[in-house]
């Protein structure tokens, strides 16, 4: 038998669909931005890529 608490949880879960879809949309947008950034980085000339790597190493060291 389904309890009132179970029914309340079912209603909450059903209402959560919109938020889940919004989260999924945001994640897809982030993924698209990451792929675009990776393509742009891959197309950089060697000198600029070395500078990017130097900056990245510096930010990693600063974080530790």
C-alpha atoms as a PDB file:
ATOM      1  CA  UNK A   1       0.000   0.000   0.000  1.00  0.00           C
ATOM      2  CA  UNK A   2       1.231   3.499  -0.820  1.00  0.00           C
ATOM      3  CA  UNK A   3       1.502   5.763   2.200  1.00  0.00           C
ATOM      4  CA  UNK A   4       0.815   9.480   2.289  1.00  0.00           C
ATOM      5  CA  UNK A   5       4.555  10.022   2.624  1.00  0.00           C
ATOM      6  CA  UNK A   6       5.155   7.922  -0.509  1.00  0.00           C
ATOM      7  CA  UNK A   7       2.543   9.912  -2.401  1.00  0.00           C
ATOM      8  CA  UNK A   8       4.067  13.200  -1.284  1.00  0.00           C
ATOM      9  CA  UNK A   9       7.482  12.018  -2.489  1.00  0.00           C
ATOM     10  CA  UNK A  10       5.999  10.992  -5.842  1.00  0.00           C
ATOM     11  CA  UNK A  11       4.500  14.460  -6.274  1.00  0.00           C
ATOM     12  CA  UNK A  12       7.839  16.119  -5.387  1.00  0.00           C
ATOM     13  CA  UNK A  13       9.686  13.875  -7.842  1.00  0.00           C
ATOM     14  CA  UNK A  14       7.190  14.599 -10.618  1.00  0.00           C
ATOM     15  CA  UNK A  15       7.506  18.357 -10.065  1.00  0.00           C
ATOM     16  CA  UNK A  16      11.286  18.079 -10.222  1.00  0.00           C
ATOM     17  CA  UNK A  17      11.184  17.286 -13.961  1.00  0.00           C
ATOM     18  CA  UNK A  18      11.442  20.933 -14.987  1.00  0.00           C
ATOM     19  CA  UNK A  19      14.468  21.526 -12.784  1.00  0.00           C
ATOM     20  CA  UNK A  20      16.134  18.370 -14.079  1.00  0.00           C
ATOM     21  CA  UNK A  21      15.582  19.447 -17.687  1.00  0.00           C
ATOM     22  CA  UNK A  22      16.992  22.906 -16.920  1.00  0.00           C
ATOM     23  CA  UNK A  23      20.046  21.328 -15.272  1.00  0.00           C
ATOM     24  CA  UNK A  24      20.533  19.088 -18.291  1.00  0.00           C
ATOM     25  CA  UNK A  25      20.288  22.087 -20.621  1.00  0.00           C
ATOM     26  CA  UNK A  26      22.878  23.979 -18.604  1.00  0.00           C
ATOM     27  CA  UNK A  27      25.210  20.964 -18.616  1.00  0.00           C
ATOM     28  CA  UNK A  28      24.857  20.617 -22.392  1.00  0.00           C
ATOM     29  CA  UNK A  29      25.689  24.310 -22.836  1.00  0.00           C
ATOM     30  CA  UNK A  30      28.789  23.935 -20.638  1.00  0.00           C
ATOM     31  CA  UNK A  31      29.860  20.924 -22.665  1.00  0.00           C
ATOM     32  CA  UNK A  32      29.444  22.860 -25.925  1.00  0.00           C
ATOM     33  CA  UNK A  33      31.547  25.746 -24.515  1.00  0.00           C
ATOM     34  CA  UNK A  34      34.248  23.297 -23.388  1.00  0.00           C
ATOM     35  CA  UNK A  35      34.407  21.664 -26.825  1.00  0.00           C
ATOM     36  CA  UNK A  36      34.574  25.057 -28.540  1.00  0.00           C
ATOM     37  CA  UNK A  37      37.403  26.140 -26.233  1.00  0.00           C
ATOM     38  CA  UNK A  38      39.291  22.906 -26.908  1.00  0.00           C
ATOM     39  CA  UNK A  39      38.985  23.447 -30.678  1.00  0.00           C
ATOM     40  CA  UNK A  40      40.249  27.030 -30.338  1.00  0.00           C
ATOM     41  CA  UNK A  41      43.162  25.950 -28.153  1.00  0.00           C
ATOM     42  CA  UNK A  42      44.089  23.217 -30.634  1.00  0.00           C
ATOM     43  CA  UNK A  43      44.283  25.832 -33.399  1.00  0.00           C
ATOM     44  CA  UNK A  44      46.616  28.198 -31.532  1.00  0.00           C
ATOM     45  CA  UNK A  45      50.092  28.800 -32.897  1.00  0.00           C
ATOM     46  CA  UNK A  46      52.875  27.144 -30.905  1.00  0.00           C
ATOM     47  CA  UNK A  47      53.999  30.320 -29.153  1.00  0.00           C
ATOM     48  CA  UNK A  48      50.507  31.090 -27.859  1.00  0.00           C
ATOM     49  CA  UNK A  49      49.953  27.485 -26.809  1.00  0.00           C
ATOM     50  CA  UNK A  50      53.175  27.535 -24.800  1.00  0.00           C
ATOM     51  CA  UNK A  51      51.967  30.726 -23.074  1.00  0.00           C
ATOM     52  CA  UNK A  52      48.628  29.084 -22.267  1.00  0.00           C
ATOM     53  CA  UNK A  53      50.417  26.083 -20.779  1.00  0.00           C
ATOM     54  CA  UNK A  54      52.710  28.365 -18.750  1.00  0.00           C
ATOM     55  CA  UNK A  55      49.711  30.260 -17.374  1.00  0.00           C
ATOM     56  CA  UNK A  56      47.906  27.015 -16.633  1.00  0.00           C
ATOM     57  CA  UNK A  57      50.879  25.618 -14.711  1.00  0.00           C
ATOM     58  CA  UNK A  58      51.053  28.853 -12.717  1.00  0.00           C
ATOM     59  CA  UNK A  59      47.382  28.700 -11.770  1.00  0.00           C
ATOM     60  CA  UNK A  60      47.707  25.058 -10.704  1.00  0.00           C
ATOM     61  CA  UNK A  61      50.699  25.882  -8.519  1.00  0.00           C
ATOM     62  CA  UNK A  62      48.862  28.854  -6.998  1.00  0.00           C
ATOM     63  CA  UNK A  63      45.924  26.581  -6.092  1.00  0.00           C
ATOM     64  CA  UNK A  64      48.108  24.151  -4.120  1.00  0.00           C
END
